C-alpha atoms as a PDB file:
ATOM      1  CA  MET A   1      64.970  86.722  94.945  1.00  0.00           C
ATOM      2  CA  ASN A   2      67.599  88.895  96.629  1.00  0.00           C
ATOM      3  CA  ILE A   3      70.881  90.229  95.287  1.00  0.00           C
ATOM      4  CA  LYS A   4      73.373  90.684  98.086  1.00  0.00           C
ATOM      5  CA  TYR A   5      77.022  91.694  98.430  1.00  0.00           C
ATOM      6  CA  THR A   6      79.014  91.400 101.640  1.00  0.00           C
ATOM      7  CA  ALA A   7      82.434  92.911 102.384  1.00  0.00           C
ATOM      8  CA  PHE A   8      84.686  91.466 105.075  1.00  0.00           C
ATOM      9  CA  LEU A   9      87.314  94.078 105.990  1.00  0.00           C
ATOM     10  CA  ASP A  10      90.393  93.754 108.182  1.00  0.00           C
ATOM     11  CA  ILE A  11      92.319  96.756 109.533  1.00  0.00           C
ATOM     12  CA  LEU A  12      96.011  96.105 108.972  1.00  0.00           C
ATOM     13  CA  GLY A  13      98.206  96.730 111.999  1.00  0.00           C
ATOM     14  CA  PHE A  14      95.284  97.464 114.296  1.00  0.00           C
ATOM     15  CA  SER A  15      96.475  95.279 117.181  1.00  0.00           C
ATOM     16  CA  GLU A  16      99.774  97.151 117.301  1.00  0.00           C
ATOM     17  CA  TYR A  17      97.917 100.454 117.007  1.00  0.00           C
ATOM     18  CA  MET A  18      95.619  99.618 119.940  1.00  0.00           C
ATOM     19  CA  LYS A  19      98.527  98.720 122.203  1.00  0.00           C
ATOM     20  CA  ALA A  20     100.169 102.074 121.502  1.00  0.00           C
ATOM     21  CA  ASN A  21      97.151 104.374 121.302  1.00  0.00           C
ATOM     22  CA  ILE A  22      94.010 102.941 122.883  1.00  0.00           C
ATOM     23  CA  ASN A  23      94.937 102.308 126.489  1.00  0.00           C
ATOM     24  CA  SER A  24      92.257 104.136 128.463  1.00  0.00           C
ATOM     25  CA  GLU A  25      88.484 104.570 128.564  1.00  0.00           C
ATOM     26  CA  GLU A  26      88.821 108.143 127.344  1.00  0.00           C
ATOM     27  CA  LYS A  27      90.987 107.274 124.327  1.00  0.00           C
ATOM     28  CA  ALA A  28      88.780 104.326 123.423  1.00  0.00           C
ATOM     29  CA  ALA A  29      85.684 106.526 123.592  1.00  0.00           C
ATOM     30  CA  GLN A  30      87.320 109.203 121.427  1.00  0.00           C
ATOM     31  CA  PHE A  31      88.294 106.616 118.839  1.00  0.00           C
ATOM     32  CA  TYR A  32      84.809 105.114 118.844  1.00  0.00           C
ATOM     33  CA  MET A  33      83.021 108.454 118.470  1.00  0.00           C
ATOM     34  CA  SER A  34      85.245 109.638 115.614  1.00  0.00           C
ATOM     35  CA  LEU A  35      84.727 106.345 113.822  1.00  0.00           C
ATOM     36  CA  LYS A  36      80.983 106.304 114.386  1.00  0.00           C
ATOM     37  CA  TYR A  37      80.631 109.878 113.164  1.00  0.00           C
ATOM     38  CA  ALA A  38      82.688 109.225 110.031  1.00  0.00           C
ATOM     39  CA  VAL A  39      80.963 105.996 109.029  1.00  0.00           C
ATOM     40  CA  ASP A  40      77.469 107.275 109.808  1.00  0.00           C
ATOM     41  CA  LYS A  41      78.203 110.473 107.904  1.00  0.00           C
ATOM     42  CA  TYR A  42      79.430 108.611 104.846  1.00  0.00           C
ATOM     43  CA  LEU A  43      76.395 106.344 104.781  1.00  0.00           C
ATOM     44  CA  ASP A  44      74.028 109.246 105.333  1.00  0.00           C
ATOM     45  CA  ASP A  45      75.561 111.158 102.431  1.00  0.00           C
ATOM     46  CA  PHE A  46      75.125 108.162 100.143  1.00  0.00           C
ATOM     47  CA  LYS A  47      71.454 108.082 101.035  1.00  0.00           C
ATOM     48  CA  LYS A  48      70.972 111.806 100.407  1.00  0.00           C
ATOM     49  CA  GLU A  49      72.721 112.036  97.068  1.00  0.00           C
ATOM     50  CA  ASN A  50      72.598 109.743  94.089  1.00  0.00           C
ATOM     51  CA  ILE A  51      76.293 108.921  93.821  1.00  0.00           C
ATOM     52  CA  PHE A  52      75.618 106.893  90.715  1.00  0.00           C
ATOM     53  CA  LYS A  53      75.285 110.031  88.642  1.00  0.00           C
ATOM     54  CA  LYS A  54      79.065 109.586  88.416  1.00  0.00           C
ATOM     55  CA  LEU A  55      78.311 106.604  86.183  1.00  0.00           C
ATOM     56  CA  SER A  56      75.875 108.622  84.067  1.00  0.00           C
ATOM     57  CA  LEU A  57      73.219 105.976  84.739  1.00  0.00           C
ATOM     58  CA  GLU A  58      69.505 106.690  84.893  1.00  0.00           C
ATOM     59  CA  VAL A  59      68.801 104.522  87.944  1.00  0.00           C
ATOM     60  CA  THR A  60      66.563 104.736  90.996  1.00  0.00           C
ATOM     61  CA  TYR A  61      67.925 101.805  93.001  1.00  0.00           C
ATOM     62  CA  LEU A  62      69.624 103.740  95.775  1.00  0.00           C
ATOM     63  CA  ASP A  63      66.648 104.154  98.104  1.00  0.00           C
ATOM     64  CA  LYS A  64      65.756 100.470  97.762  1.00  0.00           C
ATOM     65  CA  ILE A  65      69.180  99.111  98.654  1.00  0.00           C
ATOM     66  CA  GLN A  66      69.192  97.840 102.240  1.00  0.00           C
ATOM     67  CA  LEU A  67      72.445  98.274 104.112  1.00  0.00           C
ATOM     68  CA  GLU A  68      73.715  96.629 107.290  1.00  0.00           C
ATOM     69  CA  TYR A  69      77.122  96.820 108.919  1.00  0.00           C
ATOM     70  CA  CYS A  70      78.916  95.990 112.126  1.00  0.00           C
ATOM     71  CA  TRP A  71      82.359  96.461 113.589  1.00  0.00           C
ATOM     72  CA  ILE A  72      84.010  93.896 115.857  1.00  0.00           C
ATOM     73  CA  SER A  73      87.545  94.737 117.052  1.00  0.00           C
ATOM     74  CA  ASP A  74      89.677  95.024 113.876  1.00  0.00           C
ATOM     75  CA  THR A  75      86.985  93.725 111.526  1.00  0.00           C
ATOM     76  CA  PHE A  76      84.251  95.506 109.568  1.00  0.00           C
ATOM     77  CA  VAL A  77      81.449  93.665 107.836  1.00  0.00           C
ATOM     78  CA  VAL A  78      79.295  95.631 105.391  1.00  0.00           C
ATOM     79  CA  SER A  79      76.384  94.031 103.582  1.00  0.00           C
ATOM     80  CA  ILE A  80      73.954  95.447 101.011  1.00  0.00           C
ATOM     81  CA  LYS A  81      70.833  93.784  99.654  1.00  0.00           C
ATOM     82  CA  TYR A  82      68.267  94.472  96.960  1.00  0.00           C
ATOM     83  CA  GLU A  83      64.968  92.581  96.885  1.00  0.00           C
ATOM     84  CA  LEU A  84      63.692  92.055  93.352  1.00  0.00           C
ATOM     85  CA  ASP A  85      60.172  91.138  94.576  1.00  0.00           C
ATOM     86  CA  GLY A  86      59.342  89.333  91.357  1.00  0.00           C
ATOM     87  CA  MET A  87      60.702  92.104  89.124  1.00  0.00           C
ATOM     88  CA  LYS A  88      63.024  91.326  86.237  1.00  0.00           C
ATOM     89  CA  GLU A  89      66.648  92.211  86.952  1.00  0.00           C
ATOM     90  CA  ASP A  90      67.929  95.296  85.120  1.00  0.00           C
ATOM     91  CA  ILE A  91      71.423  95.037  83.591  1.00  0.00           C
ATOM     92  CA  TYR A  92      72.506  98.065  85.653  1.00  0.00           C
ATOM     93  CA  LEU A  93      71.379  96.733  89.039  1.00  0.00           C
ATOM     94  CA  LYS A  94      74.444  94.671  89.897  1.00  0.00           C
ATOM     95  CA  PRO A  95      76.917  97.331  88.659  1.00  0.00           C
ATOM     96  CA  THR A  96      75.033  99.895  90.756  1.00  0.00           C
ATOM     97  CA  MET A  97      75.267  97.744  93.884  1.00  0.00           C
ATOM     98  CA  ILE A  98      78.939  96.954  93.268  1.00  0.00           C
ATOM     99  CA  TYR A  99      79.656 100.678  92.861  1.00  0.00           C
ATOM    100  CA  TYR A 100      77.745 101.376  96.082  1.00  0.00           C
ATOM    101  CA  ILE A 101      79.558  98.860  98.292  1.00  0.00           C
ATOM    102  CA  SER A 102      82.906  99.779  96.706  1.00  0.00           C
ATOM    103  CA  SER A 103      82.291 103.447  97.536  1.00  0.00           C
ATOM    104  CA  ILE A 104      81.415 102.617 101.139  1.00  0.00           C
ATOM    105  CA  VAL A 105      84.508 100.509 101.806  1.00  0.00           C
ATOM    106  CA  SER A 106      86.666 103.116 100.067  1.00  0.00           C
ATOM    107  CA  GLN A 107      85.341 105.853 102.338  1.00  0.00           C
ATOM    108  CA  ILE A 108      86.076 103.709 105.399  1.00  0.00           C
ATOM    109  CA  ASN A 109      89.597 103.194 104.072  1.00  0.00           C
ATOM    110  CA  HIS A 110      90.062 106.947 103.519  1.00  0.00           C
ATOM    111  CA  PHE A 111      89.012 107.560 107.126  1.00  0.00           C
ATOM    112  CA  PHE A 112      91.529 105.125 108.600  1.00  0.00           C
ATOM    113  CA  VAL A 113      94.361 106.391 106.397  1.00  0.00           C
ATOM    114  CA  ARG A 114      93.653 110.054 107.148  1.00  0.00           C
ATOM    115  CA  GLU A 115      93.004 109.721 110.882  1.00  0.00           C
ATOM    116  CA  HIS A 116      95.133 106.788 111.990  1.00  0.00           C
ATOM    117  CA  GLN A 117      97.635 105.917 109.233  1.00  0.00           C
ATOM    118  CA  LEU A 118      95.991 102.493 108.917  1.00  0.00           C
ATOM    119  CA  CYS A 119      94.506 100.790 105.876  1.00  0.00           C
ATOM    120  CA  LEU A 120      92.209  97.916 104.991  1.00  0.00           C
ATOM    121  CA  ARG A 121      92.361  94.638 103.196  1.00  0.00           C
ATOM    122  CA  GLY A 122      89.404  92.395 102.547  1.00  0.00           C
ATOM    123  CA  ALA A 123      87.054  90.671 100.168  1.00  0.00           C
ATOM    124  CA  ILE A 124      83.547  91.036  98.759  1.00  0.00           C
ATOM    125  CA  THR A 125      81.292  88.069  98.062  1.00  0.00           C
ATOM    126  CA  SER A 126      77.800  87.620  96.620  1.00  0.00           C
ATOM    127  CA  LYS A 127      76.857  84.441  98.470  1.00  0.00           C
ATOM    128  CA  PHE A 128      74.263  84.321 101.249  1.00  0.00           C
ATOM    129  CA  THR A 129      75.132  86.228 104.424  1.00  0.00           C
ATOM    130  CA  TYR A 130      72.911  86.908 107.432  1.00  0.00           C
ATOM    131  CA  LEU A 131      73.900  90.008 109.395  1.00  0.00           C
ATOM    132  CA  LYS A 132      71.817  91.241 112.308  1.00  0.00           C
ATOM    133  CA  ASP A 133      72.648  92.542 115.782  1.00  0.00           C
ATOM    134  CA  ARG A 134      76.312  91.564 115.408  1.00  0.00           C
ATOM    135  CA  ILE A 135      75.388  88.007 114.435  1.00  0.00           C
ATOM    136  CA  ILE A 136      77.033  87.088 111.133  1.00  0.00           C
ATOM    137  CA  LEU A 137      76.161  83.774 109.490  1.00  0.00           C
ATOM    138  CA  GLY A 138      76.217  82.123 106.077  1.00  0.00           C
ATOM    139  CA  GLU A 139      78.384  80.909 103.237  1.00  0.00           C
ATOM    140  CA  GLY A 140      79.063  84.455 102.092  1.00  0.00           C
ATOM    141  CA  ILE A 141      80.906  85.527 105.227  1.00  0.00           C
ATOM    142  CA  VAL A 142      82.864  82.261 105.247  1.00  0.00           C
ATOM    143  CA  ASP A 143      84.012  82.835 101.662  1.00  0.00           C
ATOM    144  CA  ALA A 144      84.763  86.528 102.274  1.00  0.00           C
ATOM    145  CA  HIS A 145      86.885  85.706 105.325  1.00  0.00           C
ATOM    146  CA  TYR A 146      88.758  83.029 103.394  1.00  0.00           C
ATOM    147  CA  LEU A 147      89.481  85.375 100.476  1.00  0.00           C
ATOM    148  CA  GLU A 148      90.572  88.156 102.843  1.00  0.00           C
ATOM    149  CA  SER A 149      92.988  85.968 104.790  1.00  0.00           C
ATOM    150  CA  LYS A 150      94.331  83.727 102.002  1.00  0.00           C
ATOM    151  CA  ILE A 151      94.102  85.712  98.766  1.00  0.00           C
ATOM    152  CA  ALA A 152      93.885  89.454  99.465  1.00  0.00           C
ATOM    153  CA  SER A 153      97.161  89.417 101.496  1.00  0.00           C
ATOM    154  CA  THR A 154      98.152  92.949 100.384  1.00  0.00           C
ATOM    155  CA  PRO A 155      96.154  96.108 101.335  1.00  0.00           C
ATOM    156  CA  ARG A 156      93.466  95.532  98.726  1.00  0.00           C
ATOM    157  CA  ILE A 157      89.797  94.533  98.731  1.00  0.00           C
ATOM    158  CA  ILE A 158      89.166  91.824  96.191  1.00  0.00           C
ATOM    159  CA  PHE A 159      85.952  90.585  94.624  1.00  0.00           C
ATOM    160  CA  ALA A 160      85.009  86.912  94.600  1.00  0.00           C
ATOM    161  CA  SER A 161      85.650  85.538  91.132  1.00  0.00           C
ATOM    162  CA  ASP A 162      81.944  85.269  90.243  1.00  0.00           C
ATOM    163  CA  ILE A 163      81.120  88.968  90.795  1.00  0.00           C
ATOM    164  CA  ILE A 164      82.857  90.999  88.079  1.00  0.00           C
ATOM    165  CA  SER A 165      81.680  89.609  84.753  1.00  0.00           C
ATOM    166  CA  ASN A 166      82.826  90.975  81.391  1.00  0.00           C
ATOM    167  CA  GLU A 167      79.421  92.623  80.999  1.00  0.00           C
ATOM    168  CA  ILE A 168      79.690  94.415  84.355  1.00  0.00           C
ATOM    169  CA  ASN A 169      83.281  95.488  83.701  1.00  0.00           C
ATOM    170  CA  ASN A 170      82.273  96.877  80.302  1.00  0.00           C
ATOM    171  CA  ILE A 171      79.492  98.948  81.912  1.00  0.00           C
ATOM    172  CA  PHE A 172      82.006 100.521  84.293  1.00  0.00           C
ATOM    173  CA  ASN A 173      84.535 101.182  81.545  1.00  0.00           C
ATOM    174  CA  GLU A 174      81.977 102.864  79.297  1.00  0.00           C
ATOM    175  CA  ASP A 175      82.141 105.966  81.489  1.00  0.00           C
ATOM    176  CA  SER A 176      85.802 105.644  82.569  1.00  0.00           C
ATOM    177  CA  ASN A 177      84.646 105.903  86.207  1.00  0.00           C
ATOM    178  CA  SER A 178      85.255 102.300  87.147  1.00  0.00           C
ATOM    179  CA  CYS A 179      85.235 101.390  90.813  1.00  0.00           C
ATOM    180  CA  VAL A 180      87.340  98.297  90.114  1.00  0.00           C
ATOM    181  CA  PHE A 181      90.673  97.392  88.590  1.00  0.00           C
ATOM    182  CA  GLU A 182      92.230  94.076  87.640  1.00  0.00           C
ATOM    183  CA  ASP A 183      95.404  93.288  89.562  1.00  0.00           C
ATOM    184  CA  CYS A 184      98.361  91.500  87.982  1.00  0.00           C
ATOM    185  CA  ASP A 185      97.230  88.152  89.434  1.00  0.00           C
ATOM    186  CA  GLY A 186      93.823  88.394  87.750  1.00  0.00           C
ATOM    187  CA  TRP A 187      91.772  89.358  90.818  1.00  0.00           C
ATOM    188  CA  TYR A 188      89.483  92.370  90.539  1.00  0.00           C
ATOM    189  CA  CYS A 189      89.914  94.892  93.374  1.00  0.00           C
ATOM    190  CA  VAL A 190      88.150  98.000  94.668  1.00  0.00           C
ATOM    191  CA  ASP A 191      89.835 101.040  93.117  1.00  0.00           C
ATOM    192  CA  PHE A 192      90.270 103.287  96.186  1.00  0.00           C
ATOM    193  CA  PHE A 193      91.906 106.107  94.273  1.00  0.00           C
ATOM    194  CA  ASN A 194      89.520 106.321  91.329  1.00  0.00           C
ATOM    195  CA  LEU A 195      86.647 106.406  93.816  1.00  0.00           C
ATOM    196  CA  LEU A 196      88.469 109.032  95.875  1.00  0.00           C
ATOM    197  CA  LYS A 197      88.726 111.206  92.774  1.00  0.00           C
ATOM    198  CA  GLU A 198      84.997 110.858  92.145  1.00  0.00           C
ATOM    199  CA  ASN A 199      83.849 111.134  95.785  1.00  0.00           C
ATOM    200  CA  PRO A 200      86.311 112.871  98.146  1.00  0.00           C
ATOM    201  CA  PRO A 201      85.194 112.449 101.792  1.00  0.00           C
ATOM    202  CA  VAL A 202      82.921 115.399 102.463  1.00  0.00           C
ATOM    203  CA  ILE A 203      83.414 115.466 106.242  1.00  0.00           C
ATOM    204  CA  TYR A 204      86.820 117.039 105.606  1.00  0.00           C
ATOM    205  CA  VAL A 205      85.257 119.734 103.443  1.00  0.00           C
ATOM    206  CA  GLU A 206      83.094 120.665 106.424  1.00  0.00           C
ATOM    207  CA  LYS A 207      86.196 121.254 108.551  1.00  0.00           C
ATOM    208  CA  ASN A 208      87.139 124.254 106.428  1.00  0.00           C
ATOM    209  CA  PRO A 209      86.326 127.755 107.768  1.00  0.00           C
ATOM    210  CA  GLN A 210      82.779 128.831 107.034  1.00  0.00           C
ATOM    211  CA  ASN A 211      83.892 132.150 105.551  1.00  0.00           C
ATOM    212  CA  THR A 212      85.980 130.579 102.819  1.00  0.00           C
ATOM    213  CA  ASN A 213      85.551 132.005  99.340  1.00  0.00           C
ATOM    214  CA  LYS A 214      86.351 128.694  97.684  1.00  0.00           C
ATOM    215  CA  SER A 215      83.718 126.791  95.761  1.00  0.00           C
ATOM    216  CA  GLN A 216      82.570 123.291  96.712  1.00  0.00           C
ATOM    217  CA  ASP A 217      84.512 121.875  93.766  1.00  0.00           C
ATOM    218  CA  GLU A 218      87.687 123.644  94.902  1.00  0.00           C
ATOM    219  CA  LEU A 219      87.262 122.337  98.435  1.00  0.00           C
ATOM    220  CA  LEU A 220      86.691 118.795  97.178  1.00  0.00           C
ATOM    221  CA  GLU A 221      89.811 119.054  95.053  1.00  0.00           C
ATOM    222  CA  GLU A 222      91.770 120.106  98.142  1.00  0.00           C
ATOM    223  CA  VAL A 223      90.404 117.147 100.091  1.00  0.00           C
ATOM    224  CA  PHE A 224      91.371 114.809  97.260  1.00  0.00           C
ATOM    225  CA  THR A 225      94.934 116.184  97.218  1.00  0.00           C
ATOM    226  CA  GLU A 226      95.231 116.065 101.024  1.00  0.00           C
ATOM    227  CA  THR A 227      93.959 112.483 101.135  1.00  0.00           C
ATOM    228  CA  MET A 228      96.391 111.354  98.448  1.00  0.00           C
ATOM    229  CA  GLU A 229      99.181 112.900 100.537  1.00  0.00           C
ATOM    230  CA  LYS A 230      97.923 110.996 103.590  1.00  0.00           C
ATOM    231  CA  TYR A 231      98.124 107.782 101.595  1.00  0.00           C
ATOM    232  CA  LYS A 232     101.664 108.636 100.532  1.00  0.00           C
ATOM    233  CA  ASP A 233     102.685 109.334 104.144  1.00  0.00           C
ATOM    234  CA  MET A 234     101.090 106.078 105.337  1.00  0.00           C
ATOM    235  CA  ILE A 235     102.924 104.062 102.696  1.00  0.00           C
ATOM    236  CA  ASN A 236     106.315 105.690 103.377  1.00  0.00           C
ATOM    237  CA  GLU A 237     105.916 105.329 107.141  1.00  0.00           C
ATOM    238  CA  ASN A 238     105.197 101.612 106.849  1.00  0.00           C
ATOM    239  CA  LEU A 239     107.975 101.004 104.334  1.00  0.00           C
ATOM    240  CA  PHE A 240     110.397 102.530 106.837  1.00  0.00           C
ATOM    241  CA  LYS A 241     108.878 100.868 109.912  1.00  0.00           C
ATOM    242  CA  HIS A 242     108.834  97.389 108.380  1.00  0.00           C
ATOM    243  CA  ALA A 243     112.046  97.560 106.365  1.00  0.00           C
ATOM    244  CA  ASN A 244     113.362  94.430 108.102  1.00  0.00           C
ATOM    245  CA  ASN A 245     110.098  92.470 108.016  1.00  0.00           C
ATOM    246  CA  LEU A 246     109.754  91.091 104.497  1.00  0.00           C
ATOM    247  CA  ALA A 247     106.248  89.690 105.021  1.00  0.00           C
ATOM    248  CA  VAL A 248     104.843  93.096 106.012  1.00  0.00           C
ATOM    249  CA  LEU A 249     107.126  95.102 103.745  1.00  0.00           C
ATOM    250  CA  THR A 250     105.764  93.269 100.702  1.00  0.00           C
ATOM    251  CA  LYS A 251     102.245  94.487 101.496  1.00  0.00           C
ATOM    252  CA  TYR A 252     103.240  98.150 101.424  1.00  0.00           C
ATOM    253  CA  LEU A 253     105.458  97.736  98.376  1.00  0.00           C
ATOM    254  CA  TRP A 254     102.332  96.529  96.595  1.00  0.00           C
ATOM    255  CA  PHE A 255     100.414  99.567  97.854  1.00  0.00           C
ATOM    256  CA  LYS A 256     103.204 101.904  96.712  1.00  0.00           C
ATOM    257  CA  LYS A 257     103.060 100.434  93.222  1.00  0.00           C
ATOM    258  CA  TYR A 258      99.286 100.879  93.134  1.00  0.00           C
ATOM    259  CA  TYR A 259      99.567 104.457  94.479  1.00  0.00           C
ATOM    260  CA  ASP A 260     102.283 105.394  91.981  1.00  0.00           C
ATOM    261  CA  MET A 261     100.229 104.002  89.113  1.00  0.00           C
ATOM    262  CA  ARG A 262      97.115 105.974  90.060  1.00  0.00           C
ATOM    263  CA  ASN A 263      99.054 109.143  90.965  1.00  0.00           C
ATOM    264  CA  LYS A 264     100.815 109.055  87.615  1.00  0.00           C
ATOM    265  CA  ASN A 265      97.444 108.863  85.870  1.00  0.00           C
ATOM    266  CA  GLU A 266      96.358 112.056  87.634  1.00  0.00           C
ATOM    267  CA  LYS A 267      99.305 114.074  86.331  1.00  0.00           C
END
């Protein structure tokens, strides 16, 4: 038996961005290399360090979680799988995997906000998905695409209704480091900002001068603050740009409300 979660992610406003910014081989190559470095770096860091210590869980699942992902135009698909191989399922396995895939999609979102003033929306499903060599098949990807296009609507990544049980939500809330929050319409969503607080993107720490006297914690705090400011700038820019387009404006009004709520909690 396998446990599998698949995220279908759409980059909001990417078509408009490409028309304005990716109009030559050189610019396309630069965009591709920065994206590849960021995503590969994030995934490599997750493999090197047990990020689930943030949950105060004594788990050893990380090395056994298989991860696959692909990027096609404005769409990311990320899939993680754990093979039980006849073993009995531990109550912490699913929360661990949900935290893992939530952290990955959050880091991708941080990258696009910081580097390109773009953000994601999408959905995560637990149904069967086959992902290999850019071939994506199965009920899971169909459901994830449907939820992304019909339900997510705003810049959020929602979970299919069968993923976040009361038991799983209680495990997250025990340590106050939940990777999810319940939106006003009852859908559970990836909590970008709580995950940002717990795991600021380390590639931006590495951009600091080598002779700095600041500690790693101080540098991570700076990255957290900078990234929150990037989110604020992205929201304000889109509120201004789309002031006369109600359909798009509504998306960023939602994001502003979410940002304000999380920013208020930090103060």
